[in-house]
Amino acid sequence: MAAPTIAVGDRVPAGTFSYIPYTPEQDDPLVCGSPVTITTTDFFAGKKVVLVSIPGAFTPTCHVNHLPPFLQRYDEFKSKGVDIVAVLAANDAFVMSGWARVEGLKDKILALSDSGAQWSHAMGLSVDLSHVSFGLRTARYAMVLDDLVVRYLGVEPARGVTVSGAEAVLEAL
């Protein structure tokens, strides 16, 4: 991964994500839902957003160590004034929705698709994982946005979850 080109105090670039909003019908594993498109400017403007980025849904570190603490501590994030908690990956919206169901996110944490890691790449926050046949992915990072301005950015310097984990983000709020 190259060095990030975005820093605390910067406004995030415009970005477009797809996701499948949770509905109770999706508790049936045979119901897929329909993807919708959102933009950073429409969806995150005027809000405090915790965004956690993972290289891939269903991958060991992301699935077991990174995302679950954000769900377990969801109420703490809300008590600190967070409007939206979202997880972001380069996986498509259907994979993200399936993973969200397995993780039990329901309507608490949004599972957003950063197709081709385009938005993350624009900020220097993508990683080429071609050596393991994954291609270009979102790097492992977390950010806190306040009205589209970065207030916290934790980019993992190595494998594992430290500065992008739920505990680090909560401490930064």
N, C-alpha and C. Protein backbone atom coordinates (compact mmCIF):
# COMPACT_ATOMS: atom_id res chain seq x y z
N MET A 1 0.85 -1.18 0.00
CA MET A 1 0.00 0.00 0.00
C MET A 1 0.89 1.24 0.00
N ALA A 2 0.54 2.17 -0.83
CA ALA A 2 1.24 3.46 -0.86
C ALA A 2 0.79 4.28 0.36
N ALA A 3 1.46 5.36 0.60
CA ALA A 3 1.09 6.23 1.72
C ALA A 3 -0.26 6.88 1.45
N PRO A 4 -1.08 7.01 2.48
CA PRO A 4 -2.38 7.68 2.29
C PRO A 4 -2.18 9.10 1.79
N THR A 5 -3.10 9.53 0.94
CA THR A 5 -3.04 10.89 0.41
C THR A 5 -4.07 11.78 1.10
N ILE A 6 -4.74 11.23 2.11
CA ILE A 6 -5.72 11.99 2.89
C ILE A 6 -5.25 12.00 4.33
N ALA A 7 -5.60 13.06 5.05
CA ALA A 7 -5.15 13.20 6.43
C ALA A 7 -6.27 13.80 7.27
N VAL A 8 -6.08 13.73 8.57
CA VAL A 8 -7.03 14.36 9.48
C VAL A 8 -7.14 15.84 9.12
N GLY A 9 -8.37 16.31 9.05
CA GLY A 9 -8.64 17.70 8.67
C GLY A 9 -9.03 17.86 7.22
N ASP A 10 -8.75 16.84 6.40
CA ASP A 10 -9.12 16.90 4.98
C ASP A 10 -10.58 16.50 4.79
N ARG A 11 -11.16 17.02 3.74
CA ARG A 11 -12.51 16.61 3.33
C ARG A 11 -12.36 15.38 2.43
N VAL A 12 -13.18 14.36 2.65
CA VAL A 12 -13.08 13.17 1.81
C VAL A 12 -13.57 13.49 0.40
N PRO A 13 -13.02 12.79 -0.59
CA PRO A 13 -13.50 13.01 -1.96
C PRO A 13 -14.90 12.45 -2.13
N ALA A 14 -15.58 12.91 -3.15
CA ALA A 14 -16.89 12.35 -3.46
C ALA A 14 -16.72 10.88 -3.81
N GLY A 15 -17.65 10.08 -3.35
CA GLY A 15 -17.59 8.66 -3.63
C GLY A 15 -18.98 8.08 -3.78
N THR A 16 -19.06 6.98 -4.49
CA THR A 16 -20.32 6.29 -4.70
C THR A 16 -20.18 4.85 -4.23
N PHE A 17 -21.15 4.39 -3.46
CA PHE A 17 -21.15 3.02 -2.95
C PHE A 17 -22.49 2.37 -3.29
N SER A 18 -22.47 1.06 -3.36
CA SER A 18 -23.73 0.33 -3.46
C SER A 18 -23.89 -0.49 -2.19
N TYR A 19 -25.13 -0.68 -1.79
CA TYR A 19 -25.40 -1.54 -0.65
C TYR A 19 -26.85 -1.99 -0.73
N ILE A 20 -27.14 -3.03 0.02
CA ILE A 20 -28.49 -3.56 0.08
C ILE A 20 -29.03 -3.26 1.47
N PRO A 21 -29.98 -2.33 1.56
CA PRO A 21 -30.53 -1.99 2.88
C PRO A 21 -31.18 -3.21 3.52
N TYR A 22 -30.98 -3.33 4.82
CA TYR A 22 -31.57 -4.45 5.55
C TYR A 22 -33.09 -4.31 5.62
N THR A 23 -33.77 -5.42 5.41
CA THR A 23 -35.20 -5.53 5.66
C THR A 23 -35.42 -6.85 6.40
N PRO A 24 -36.45 -6.95 7.22
CA PRO A 24 -36.69 -8.21 7.95
C PRO A 24 -36.84 -9.42 7.02
N GLU A 25 -37.28 -9.20 5.79
CA GLU A 25 -37.41 -10.31 4.85
C GLU A 25 -36.05 -10.98 4.58
N GLN A 26 -34.99 -10.23 4.75
CA GLN A 26 -33.65 -10.78 4.49
C GLN A 26 -33.19 -11.74 5.58
N ASP A 27 -33.99 -11.93 6.61
CA ASP A 27 -33.67 -12.97 7.59
C ASP A 27 -33.81 -14.34 6.94
N ASP A 28 -34.54 -14.41 5.84
CA ASP A 28 -34.64 -15.62 5.02
C ASP A 28 -33.40 -15.62 4.11
N PRO A 29 -32.53 -16.62 4.21
CA PRO A 29 -31.29 -16.60 3.42
C PRO A 29 -31.51 -16.67 1.91
N LEU A 30 -32.72 -16.98 1.47
CA LEU A 30 -32.98 -17.02 0.04
C LEU A 30 -33.47 -15.70 -0.53
N VAL A 31 -33.63 -14.69 0.31
CA VAL A 31 -34.03 -13.35 -0.14
C VAL A 31 -32.75 -12.53 -0.32
N CYS A 32 -32.60 -11.97 -1.51
CA CYS A 32 -31.36 -11.24 -1.82
C CYS A 32 -31.45 -9.74 -1.57
N GLY A 33 -32.58 -9.13 -1.78
CA GLY A 33 -32.67 -7.68 -1.69
C GLY A 33 -32.17 -7.04 -2.97
N SER A 34 -32.35 -5.75 -3.07
CA SER A 34 -31.94 -5.01 -4.26
C SER A 34 -30.93 -3.92 -3.89
N PRO A 35 -29.81 -3.88 -4.61
CA PRO A 35 -28.82 -2.85 -4.31
C PRO A 35 -29.33 -1.45 -4.61
N VAL A 36 -28.91 -0.51 -3.79
CA VAL A 36 -29.15 0.91 -4.03
C VAL A 36 -27.79 1.59 -4.06
N THR A 37 -27.76 2.77 -4.64
CA THR A 37 -26.53 3.54 -4.73
C THR A 37 -26.65 4.75 -3.82
N ILE A 38 -25.58 5.00 -3.08
CA ILE A 38 -25.51 6.20 -2.24
C ILE A 38 -24.21 6.93 -2.56
N THR A 39 -24.18 8.21 -2.25
CA THR A 39 -22.95 8.98 -2.42
C THR A 39 -22.53 9.54 -1.07
N THR A 40 -21.26 9.80 -0.96
CA THR A 40 -20.76 10.38 0.28
C THR A 40 -21.42 11.72 0.56
N THR A 41 -21.58 12.52 -0.49
CA THR A 41 -22.12 13.87 -0.27
C THR A 41 -23.58 13.83 0.15
N ASP A 42 -24.35 12.91 -0.37
CA ASP A 42 -25.76 12.83 0.01
C ASP A 42 -25.99 12.10 1.33
N PHE A 43 -25.21 11.07 1.57
CA PHE A 43 -25.50 10.19 2.70
C PHE A 43 -24.73 10.55 3.97
N PHE A 44 -23.51 11.08 3.82
CA PHE A 44 -22.67 11.36 4.98
C PHE A 44 -22.63 12.84 5.37
N ALA A 45 -23.07 13.74 4.49
CA ALA A 45 -23.03 15.17 4.78
C ALA A 45 -23.85 15.49 6.02
N GLY A 46 -23.27 16.30 6.89
CA GLY A 46 -23.96 16.73 8.10
C GLY A 46 -24.04 15.66 9.18
N LYS A 47 -23.32 14.56 9.01
CA LYS A 47 -23.39 13.44 9.97
C LYS A 47 -22.02 13.08 10.48
N LYS A 48 -22.02 12.46 11.66
CA LYS A 48 -20.80 11.86 12.20
C LYS A 48 -20.83 10.39 11.81
N VAL A 49 -19.80 9.96 11.08
CA VAL A 49 -19.76 8.63 10.50
C VAL A 49 -18.50 7.90 10.95
N VAL A 50 -18.67 6.67 11.40
CA VAL A 50 -17.54 5.78 11.64
C VAL A 50 -17.52 4.81 10.48
N LEU A 51 -16.41 4.81 9.76
CA LEU A 51 -16.26 3.97 8.59
C LEU A 51 -15.08 3.03 8.83
N VAL A 52 -15.35 1.75 8.79
CA VAL A 52 -14.29 0.76 8.96
C VAL A 52 -14.13 0.02 7.64
N SER A 53 -12.91 -0.02 7.15
CA SER A 53 -12.63 -0.63 5.86
C SER A 53 -11.86 -1.93 6.06
N ILE A 54 -12.29 -2.94 5.32
CA ILE A 54 -11.66 -4.25 5.42
C ILE A 54 -11.27 -4.73 4.02
N PRO A 55 -10.21 -5.53 3.91
CA PRO A 55 -9.82 -6.04 2.60
C PRO A 55 -10.82 -7.00 1.98
N GLY A 56 -11.58 -7.73 2.78
CA GLY A 56 -12.53 -8.65 2.18
C GLY A 56 -13.50 -9.27 3.16
N ALA A 57 -14.76 -9.30 2.77
CA ALA A 57 -15.78 -9.98 3.56
C ALA A 57 -15.43 -11.47 3.65
N PHE A 58 -15.75 -12.06 4.75
CA PHE A 58 -15.56 -13.50 5.00
C PHE A 58 -14.09 -13.91 5.12
N THR A 59 -13.16 -12.97 5.08
CA THR A 59 -11.75 -13.34 5.26
C THR A 59 -11.47 -13.40 6.76
N PRO A 60 -10.51 -14.24 7.19
CA PRO A 60 -10.37 -14.54 8.62
C PRO A 60 -10.25 -13.34 9.56
N THR A 61 -9.33 -12.43 9.32
CA THR A 61 -9.16 -11.31 10.24
C THR A 61 -10.38 -10.39 10.22
N CYS A 62 -10.89 -10.11 9.03
CA CYS A 62 -12.05 -9.22 8.90
C CYS A 62 -13.29 -9.82 9.57
N HIS A 63 -13.49 -11.09 9.33
CA HIS A 63 -14.70 -11.79 9.78
C HIS A 63 -14.70 -12.07 11.28
N VAL A 64 -13.54 -12.37 11.83
CA VAL A 64 -13.47 -12.79 13.23
C VAL A 64 -13.01 -11.68 14.16
N ASN A 65 -12.02 -10.89 13.71
CA ASN A 65 -11.38 -9.93 14.63
C ASN A 65 -11.74 -8.46 14.41
N HIS A 66 -12.02 -8.08 13.17
CA HIS A 66 -12.17 -6.66 12.90
C HIS A 66 -13.60 -6.16 13.05
N LEU A 67 -14.54 -6.75 12.34
CA LEU A 67 -15.91 -6.25 12.36
C LEU A 67 -16.69 -6.57 13.64
N PRO A 68 -16.62 -7.78 14.20
CA PRO A 68 -17.47 -8.09 15.36
C PRO A 68 -17.39 -7.10 16.52
N PRO A 69 -16.22 -6.57 16.90
CA PRO A 69 -16.22 -5.60 18.01
C PRO A 69 -17.00 -4.31 17.70
N PHE A 70 -17.09 -3.93 16.44
CA PHE A 70 -17.88 -2.74 16.10
C PHE A 70 -19.37 -3.01 16.37
N LEU A 71 -19.83 -4.21 16.09
CA LEU A 71 -21.21 -4.56 16.39
C LEU A 71 -21.42 -4.71 17.90
N GLN A 72 -20.49 -5.36 18.56
CA GLN A 72 -20.60 -5.56 20.01
C GLN A 72 -20.62 -4.23 20.76
N ARG A 73 -19.94 -3.23 20.25
CA ARG A 73 -19.84 -1.94 20.93
C ARG A 73 -20.65 -0.85 20.23
N TYR A 74 -21.58 -1.27 19.40
CA TYR A 74 -22.41 -0.34 18.62
C TYR A 74 -23.06 0.72 19.50
N ASP A 75 -23.64 0.33 20.62
CA ASP A 75 -24.31 1.29 21.50
C ASP A 75 -23.34 2.34 22.04
N GLU A 76 -22.08 1.97 22.25
CA GLU A 76 -21.09 2.94 22.70
C GLU A 76 -20.82 3.98 21.61
N PHE A 77 -20.76 3.53 20.36
CA PHE A 77 -20.58 4.48 19.26
C PHE A 77 -21.75 5.45 19.20
N LYS A 78 -22.96 4.92 19.30
CA LYS A 78 -24.15 5.77 19.25
C LYS A 78 -24.16 6.77 20.42
N SER A 79 -23.73 6.33 21.60
CA SER A 79 -23.72 7.21 22.77
C SER A 79 -22.71 8.34 22.63
N LYS A 80 -21.75 8.19 21.72
CA LYS A 80 -20.76 9.23 21.47
C LYS A 80 -21.16 10.12 20.29
N GLY A 81 -22.43 10.04 19.88
CA GLY A 81 -22.94 10.93 18.85
C GLY A 81 -22.74 10.46 17.42
N VAL A 82 -22.36 9.21 17.24
CA VAL A 82 -22.17 8.69 15.88
C VAL A 82 -23.54 8.44 15.26
N ASP A 83 -23.73 8.98 14.06
CA ASP A 83 -24.99 8.80 13.33
C ASP A 83 -25.00 7.51 12.52
N ILE A 84 -23.85 7.19 11.89
CA ILE A 84 -23.77 6.03 11.00
C ILE A 84 -22.48 5.27 11.30
N VAL A 85 -22.62 3.95 11.43
CA VAL A 85 -21.46 3.06 11.45
C VAL A 85 -21.57 2.22 10.19
N ALA A 86 -20.48 2.17 9.42
CA ALA A 86 -20.50 1.43 8.16
C ALA A 86 -19.20 0.65 8.00
N VAL A 87 -19.32 -0.50 7.37
CA VAL A 87 -18.15 -1.28 6.98
C VAL A 87 -18.06 -1.22 5.46
N LEU A 88 -16.84 -1.11 4.97
CA LEU A 88 -16.59 -0.87 3.55
C LEU A 88 -15.60 -1.91 3.04
N ALA A 89 -15.89 -2.46 1.86
CA ALA A 89 -14.96 -3.39 1.21
C ALA A 89 -15.17 -3.32 -0.29
N ALA A 90 -14.22 -3.88 -1.04
CA ALA A 90 -14.31 -3.90 -2.50
C ALA A 90 -15.24 -5.01 -3.00
N ASN A 91 -15.74 -5.84 -2.11
CA ASN A 91 -16.69 -6.88 -2.52
C ASN A 91 -17.96 -6.24 -3.06
N ASP A 92 -18.69 -6.98 -3.89
CA ASP A 92 -19.93 -6.44 -4.45
C ASP A 92 -21.02 -6.37 -3.38
N ALA A 93 -22.09 -5.65 -3.68
CA ALA A 93 -23.16 -5.40 -2.71
C ALA A 93 -23.82 -6.69 -2.23
N PHE A 94 -23.93 -7.70 -3.08
CA PHE A 94 -24.56 -8.96 -2.68
C PHE A 94 -23.69 -9.72 -1.68
N VAL A 95 -22.38 -9.74 -1.92
CA VAL A 95 -21.47 -10.38 -0.97
C VAL A 95 -21.50 -9.62 0.36
N MET A 96 -21.47 -8.30 0.29
CA MET A 96 -21.50 -7.50 1.52
C MET A 96 -22.79 -7.73 2.29
N SER A 97 -23.91 -7.84 1.59
CA SER A 97 -25.19 -8.10 2.24
C SER A 97 -25.20 -9.49 2.88
N GLY A 98 -24.69 -10.48 2.16
CA GLY A 98 -24.61 -11.83 2.72
C GLY A 98 -23.75 -11.87 3.96
N TRP A 99 -22.62 -11.18 3.90
CA TRP A 99 -21.72 -11.14 5.06
C TRP A 99 -22.38 -10.41 6.22
N ALA A 100 -23.08 -9.33 5.92
CA ALA A 100 -23.78 -8.57 6.97
C ALA A 100 -24.79 -9.47 7.68
N ARG A 101 -25.47 -10.33 6.93
CA ARG A 101 -26.44 -11.24 7.54
C ARG A 101 -25.76 -12.26 8.43
N VAL A 102 -24.66 -12.81 7.95
CA VAL A 102 -23.92 -13.79 8.75
C VAL A 102 -23.40 -13.15 10.03
N GLU A 103 -22.94 -11.91 9.92
CA GLU A 103 -22.41 -11.19 11.09
C GLU A 103 -23.52 -10.66 12.01
N GLY A 104 -24.76 -10.65 11.53
CA GLY A 104 -25.87 -10.16 12.35
C GLY A 104 -25.97 -8.65 12.43
N LEU A 105 -25.52 -7.95 11.39
CA LEU A 105 -25.52 -6.49 11.42
C LEU A 105 -26.92 -5.89 11.39
N LYS A 106 -27.83 -6.55 10.71
CA LYS A 106 -29.21 -6.07 10.53
C LYS A 106 -29.20 -4.61 10.10
N ASP A 107 -29.91 -3.72 10.83
CA ASP A 107 -29.97 -2.31 10.43
C ASP A 107 -29.01 -1.44 11.23
N LYS A 108 -28.08 -2.06 11.95
CA LYS A 108 -27.15 -1.27 12.76
C LYS A 108 -25.96 -0.76 11.96
N ILE A 109 -25.23 -1.65 11.35
CA ILE A 109 -24.03 -1.28 10.60
C ILE A 109 -24.29 -1.49 9.12
N LEU A 110 -24.05 -0.46 8.32
CA LEU A 110 -24.23 -0.55 6.88
C LEU A 110 -23.05 -1.30 6.27
N ALA A 111 -23.31 -2.18 5.31
CA ALA A 111 -22.27 -2.93 4.62
C ALA A 111 -22.17 -2.37 3.20
N LEU A 112 -21.18 -1.53 2.97
CA LEU A 112 -21.05 -0.79 1.71
C LEU A 112 -20.02 -1.41 0.78
N SER A 113 -20.33 -1.39 -0.50
CA SER A 113 -19.40 -1.87 -1.53
C SER A 113 -18.69 -0.68 -2.16
N ASP A 114 -17.37 -0.68 -2.02
CA ASP A 114 -16.51 0.28 -2.70
C ASP A 114 -15.97 -0.44 -3.93
N SER A 115 -16.78 -0.52 -4.96
CA SER A 115 -16.49 -1.31 -6.15
C SER A 115 -15.12 -0.98 -6.73
N GLY A 116 -14.31 -2.01 -6.87
CA GLY A 116 -12.97 -1.81 -7.40
C GLY A 116 -12.07 -1.00 -6.48
N ALA A 117 -12.49 -0.79 -5.24
CA ALA A 117 -11.76 0.02 -4.26
C ALA A 117 -11.51 1.43 -4.79
N GLN A 118 -12.40 1.91 -5.64
CA GLN A 118 -12.18 3.21 -6.29
C GLN A 118 -12.08 4.37 -5.31
N TRP A 119 -13.01 4.44 -4.37
CA TRP A 119 -13.01 5.56 -3.42
C TRP A 119 -11.78 5.48 -2.52
N SER A 120 -11.53 4.30 -2.00
CA SER A 120 -10.35 4.11 -1.14
C SER A 120 -9.06 4.42 -1.91
N HIS A 121 -8.98 3.97 -3.15
CA HIS A 121 -7.79 4.21 -3.97
C HIS A 121 -7.56 5.71 -4.17
N ALA A 122 -8.63 6.47 -4.32
CA ALA A 122 -8.51 7.92 -4.52
C ALA A 122 -7.86 8.61 -3.31
N MET A 123 -7.86 7.94 -2.16
CA MET A 123 -7.26 8.51 -0.94
C MET A 123 -5.96 7.80 -0.57
N GLY A 124 -5.47 6.94 -1.48
CA GLY A 124 -4.25 6.18 -1.18
C GLY A 124 -4.50 5.10 -0.15
N LEU A 125 -5.74 4.62 -0.06
CA LEU A 125 -6.10 3.64 0.96
C LEU A 125 -6.56 2.31 0.34
N SER A 126 -5.88 1.93 -0.73
CA SER A 126 -6.15 0.63 -1.34
C SER A 126 -4.89 -0.21 -1.24
N VAL A 127 -5.06 -1.50 -1.45
CA VAL A 127 -3.93 -2.42 -1.38
C VAL A 127 -4.08 -3.45 -2.50
N ASP A 128 -2.96 -3.72 -3.18
CA ASP A 128 -2.97 -4.70 -4.26
C ASP A 128 -2.69 -6.08 -3.66
N LEU A 129 -3.71 -6.92 -3.66
CA LEU A 129 -3.57 -8.27 -3.12
C LEU A 129 -3.60 -9.32 -4.24
N SER A 130 -3.06 -8.94 -5.39
CA SER A 130 -3.01 -9.86 -6.53
C SER A 130 -2.21 -11.12 -6.21
N HIS A 131 -1.24 -11.00 -5.33
CA HIS A 131 -0.41 -12.16 -4.99
C HIS A 131 -1.21 -13.28 -4.31
N VAL A 132 -2.41 -12.95 -3.82
CA VAL A 132 -3.31 -13.98 -3.26
C VAL A 132 -4.61 -14.04 -4.07
N SER A 133 -4.55 -13.57 -5.31
CA SER A 133 -5.66 -13.62 -6.27
C SER A 133 -6.87 -12.78 -5.86
N PHE A 134 -6.67 -11.73 -5.06
CA PHE A 134 -7.76 -10.85 -4.65
C PHE A 134 -7.84 -9.59 -5.49
N GLY A 135 -6.76 -9.21 -6.16
CA GLY A 135 -6.76 -7.97 -6.93
C GLY A 135 -6.68 -6.75 -6.03
N LEU A 136 -7.14 -5.62 -6.54
CA LEU A 136 -7.11 -4.37 -5.78
C LEU A 136 -8.23 -4.36 -4.75
N ARG A 137 -7.89 -4.11 -3.52
CA ARG A 137 -8.86 -4.12 -2.41
C ARG A 137 -8.73 -2.85 -1.59
N THR A 138 -9.74 -2.63 -0.76
CA THR A 138 -9.64 -1.54 0.22
C THR A 138 -8.65 -1.99 1.28
N ALA A 139 -7.83 -1.06 1.75
CA ALA A 139 -6.89 -1.37 2.81
C ALA A 139 -7.66 -1.52 4.13
N ARG A 140 -6.97 -2.00 5.15
CA ARG A 140 -7.58 -2.09 6.48
C ARG A 140 -7.36 -0.74 7.18
N TYR A 141 -8.46 0.00 7.33
CA TYR A 141 -8.39 1.30 7.98
C TYR A 141 -9.73 1.63 8.62
N ALA A 142 -9.72 2.64 9.45
CA ALA A 142 -10.96 3.19 10.01
C ALA A 142 -10.82 4.70 9.97
N MET A 143 -11.96 5.35 9.77
CA MET A 143 -11.96 6.81 9.83
C MET A 143 -13.25 7.29 10.48
N VAL A 144 -13.13 8.41 11.12
CA VAL A 144 -14.29 9.11 11.65
C VAL A 144 -14.45 10.36 10.82
N LEU A 145 -15.64 10.51 10.27
CA LEU A 145 -15.97 11.70 9.48
C LEU A 145 -16.97 12.53 10.25
N ASP A 146 -16.77 13.83 10.21
CA ASP A 146 -17.75 14.76 10.77
C ASP A 146 -18.08 15.74 9.66
N ASP A 147 -19.28 15.62 9.10
CA ASP A 147 -19.69 16.42 7.95
C ASP A 147 -18.66 16.34 6.82
N LEU A 148 -18.24 15.11 6.52
CA LEU A 148 -17.32 14.79 5.42
C LEU A 148 -15.87 15.16 5.67
N VAL A 149 -15.55 15.64 6.85
CA VAL A 149 -14.17 15.99 7.20
C VAL A 149 -13.60 14.89 8.09
N VAL A 150 -12.38 14.44 7.76
CA VAL A 150 -11.73 13.37 8.52
C VAL A 150 -11.31 13.90 9.88
N ARG A 151 -11.82 13.27 10.92
CA ARG A 151 -11.46 13.64 12.30
C ARG A 151 -10.54 12.60 12.93
N TYR A 152 -10.55 11.38 12.37
CA TYR A 152 -9.65 10.31 12.82
C TYR A 152 -9.37 9.43 11.62
N LEU A 153 -8.12 9.01 11.48
CA LEU A 153 -7.75 8.06 10.44
C LEU A 153 -6.75 7.09 11.04
N GLY A 154 -7.12 5.83 11.08
CA GLY A 154 -6.24 4.78 11.57
C GLY A 154 -6.01 3.77 10.48
N VAL A 155 -4.83 3.78 9.90
CA VAL A 155 -4.47 2.86 8.82
C VAL A 155 -3.52 1.82 9.41
N GLU A 156 -3.86 0.56 9.24
CA GLU A 156 -3.04 -0.50 9.80
C GLU A 156 -1.67 -0.54 9.12
N PRO A 157 -0.60 -0.50 9.93
CA PRO A 157 0.75 -0.51 9.38
C PRO A 157 1.22 -1.92 8.98
N ALA A 158 0.53 -2.93 9.48
CA ALA A 158 0.90 -4.32 9.23
C ALA A 158 -0.35 -5.18 9.38
N ARG A 159 -0.20 -6.49 9.25
CA ARG A 159 -1.34 -7.39 9.43
C ARG A 159 -1.88 -7.25 10.85
N GLY A 160 -3.16 -7.50 11.00
CA GLY A 160 -3.79 -7.43 12.32
C GLY A 160 -4.65 -6.20 12.45
N VAL A 161 -5.26 -6.08 13.63
CA VAL A 161 -6.19 -4.98 13.90
C VAL A 161 -5.71 -4.25 15.15
N THR A 162 -5.31 -3.00 14.97
CA THR A 162 -4.89 -2.16 16.10
C THR A 162 -5.57 -0.80 15.96
N VAL A 163 -4.99 0.09 15.15
CA VAL A 163 -5.48 1.47 15.03
C VAL A 163 -6.80 1.59 14.30
N SER A 164 -7.23 0.52 13.63
CA SER A 164 -8.52 0.55 12.93
C SER A 164 -9.60 -0.23 13.67
N GLY A 165 -9.27 -0.70 14.85
CA GLY A 165 -10.22 -1.49 15.63
C GLY A 165 -11.21 -0.63 16.40
N ALA A 166 -12.26 -1.27 16.88
CA ALA A 166 -13.32 -0.57 17.59
C ALA A 166 -12.80 0.19 18.80
N GLU A 167 -11.91 -0.42 19.56
CA GLU A 167 -11.39 0.24 20.75
C GLU A 167 -10.65 1.53 20.41
N ALA A 168 -9.78 1.48 19.41
CA ALA A 168 -9.03 2.67 19.00
C ALA A 168 -9.95 3.77 18.51
N VAL A 169 -10.98 3.39 17.73
CA VAL A 169 -11.90 4.39 17.21
C VAL A 169 -12.71 5.01 18.33
N LEU A 170 -13.18 4.19 19.26
CA LEU A 170 -13.93 4.73 20.40
C LEU A 170 -13.08 5.70 21.22
N GLU A 171 -11.82 5.38 21.41
CA GLU A 171 -10.92 6.27 22.16
C GLU A 171 -10.74 7.60 21.44
N ALA A 172 -10.82 7.57 20.11
CA ALA A 172 -10.62 8.80 19.32
C ALA A 172 -11.87 9.68 19.29
N LEU A 173 -13.02 9.12 19.62
CA LEU A 173 -14.26 9.91 19.55
C LEU A 173 -14.39 10.88 20.72
